[in-house]
Amino acid sequence: MRPRTALPVLGEYLAWWTALALLWLVLVSTVDVLELVVGAGTAALAALAARAARRAVTGR
């Protein structure tokens, strides 16, 4: 990956992570520290999968 493409990739990943983490926070009933850690980790994995799926569809 070239340095010119690293910033947009990071931006897309962070956008996915933010959206998925906020969705998780809306759906969870109580917020505990352990639940925050699990939710952040799950959102990170889901953001990675969403980015990979978009790349598979668009070919970029």
C-alpha atoms as a PDB file:
ATOM      1  CA  MET A   1       0.000   0.000   0.000  1.00  0.00           C
ATOM      2  CA  ARG A   2       1.367   3.382  -0.977  1.00  0.00           C
ATOM      3  CA  PRO A   3       1.425   6.257   1.511  1.00  0.00           C
ATOM      4  CA  ARG A   4      -1.030   8.193  -0.673  1.00  0.00           C
ATOM      5  CA  THR A   5      -3.659   5.475  -0.289  1.00  0.00           C
ATOM      6  CA  ALA A   6      -3.101   4.775   3.400  1.00  0.00           C
ATOM      7  CA  LEU A   7      -4.991   7.849   4.624  1.00  0.00           C
ATOM      8  CA  PRO A   8      -8.226   7.180   2.683  1.00  0.00           C
ATOM      9  CA  VAL A   9      -8.130   3.532   3.749  1.00  0.00           C
ATOM     10  CA  LEU A  10      -7.707   4.537   7.385  1.00  0.00           C
ATOM     11  CA  GLY A  11     -10.490   7.091   7.029  1.00  0.00           C
ATOM     12  CA  GLU A  12     -12.870   4.529   5.589  1.00  0.00           C
ATOM     13  CA  TYR A  13     -11.999   2.023   8.301  1.00  0.00           C
ATOM     14  CA  LEU A  14     -12.556   4.623  11.043  1.00  0.00           C
ATOM     15  CA  ALA A  15     -15.867   5.676   9.495  1.00  0.00           C
ATOM     16  CA  TRP A  16     -17.071   2.060   9.476  1.00  0.00           C
ATOM     17  CA  TRP A  17     -15.832   1.512  13.024  1.00  0.00           C
ATOM     18  CA  THR A  18     -17.543   4.655  14.299  1.00  0.00           C
ATOM     19  CA  ALA A  19     -20.853   3.809  12.657  1.00  0.00           C
ATOM     20  CA  LEU A  20     -20.826   0.221  13.899  1.00  0.00           C
ATOM     21  CA  ALA A  21     -19.726   1.157  17.421  1.00  0.00           C
ATOM     22  CA  LEU A  22     -22.480   3.783  17.659  1.00  0.00           C
ATOM     23  CA  LEU A  23     -25.035   1.268  16.407  1.00  0.00           C
ATOM     24  CA  TRP A  24     -23.891  -1.176  19.064  1.00  0.00           C
ATOM     25  CA  LEU A  25     -24.169   1.504  21.765  1.00  0.00           C
ATOM     26  CA  VAL A  26     -27.718   2.280  20.667  1.00  0.00           C
ATOM     27  CA  LEU A  27     -28.720  -1.383  20.825  1.00  0.00           C
ATOM     28  CA  VAL A  28     -27.105  -2.325  24.151  1.00  0.00           C
ATOM     29  CA  SER A  29     -29.170  -1.785  27.272  1.00  0.00           C
ATOM     30  CA  THR A  30     -26.446  -1.225  29.885  1.00  0.00           C
ATOM     31  CA  VAL A  31     -22.942   0.072  29.324  1.00  0.00           C
ATOM     32  CA  ASP A  32     -20.227  -1.618  31.361  1.00  0.00           C
ATOM     33  CA  VAL A  33     -16.462  -1.357  30.825  1.00  0.00           C
ATOM     34  CA  LEU A  34     -16.228  -4.974  29.658  1.00  0.00           C
ATOM     35  CA  GLU A  35     -19.137  -4.440  27.273  1.00  0.00           C
ATOM     36  CA  LEU A  36     -17.417  -1.357  25.855  1.00  0.00           C
ATOM     37  CA  VAL A  37     -14.249  -3.370  25.193  1.00  0.00           C
ATOM     38  CA  VAL A  38     -16.177  -6.205  23.558  1.00  0.00           C
ATOM     39  CA  GLY A  39     -18.259  -3.766  21.497  1.00  0.00           C
ATOM     40  CA  ALA A  40     -15.173  -1.873  20.310  1.00  0.00           C
ATOM     41  CA  GLY A  41     -13.435  -5.100  19.341  1.00  0.00           C
ATOM     42  CA  THR A  42     -16.478  -6.443  17.537  1.00  0.00           C
ATOM     43  CA  ALA A  43     -16.943  -3.148  15.710  1.00  0.00           C
ATOM     44  CA  ALA A  44     -13.280  -3.283  14.654  1.00  0.00           C
ATOM     45  CA  LEU A  45     -13.678  -6.773  13.188  1.00  0.00           C
ATOM     46  CA  ALA A  46     -16.938  -5.838  11.484  1.00  0.00           C
ATOM     47  CA  ALA A  47     -15.352  -2.673  10.034  1.00  0.00           C
ATOM     48  CA  LEU A  48     -12.528  -4.776   8.628  1.00  0.00           C
ATOM     49  CA  ALA A  49     -15.050  -7.164   7.075  1.00  0.00           C
ATOM     50  CA  ALA A  50     -17.092  -4.279   5.630  1.00  0.00           C
ATOM     51  CA  ARG A  51     -13.993  -2.761   4.039  1.00  0.00           C
ATOM     52  CA  ALA A  52     -12.957  -6.127   2.597  1.00  0.00           C
ATOM     53  CA  ALA A  53     -16.461  -6.714   1.216  1.00  0.00           C
ATOM     54  CA  ARG A  54     -16.528  -3.297  -0.435  1.00  0.00           C
ATOM     55  CA  ARG A  55     -13.112  -3.913  -1.996  1.00  0.00           C
ATOM     56  CA  ALA A  56     -14.298  -7.303  -3.281  1.00  0.00           C
ATOM     57  CA  VAL A  57     -17.312  -5.717  -4.954  1.00  0.00           C
ATOM     58  CA  THR A  58     -15.642  -2.625  -6.430  1.00  0.00           C
ATOM     59  CA  GLY A  59     -12.223  -4.156  -7.141  1.00  0.00           C
ATOM     60  CA  ARG A  60     -10.334  -1.205  -5.627  1.00  0.00           C
END
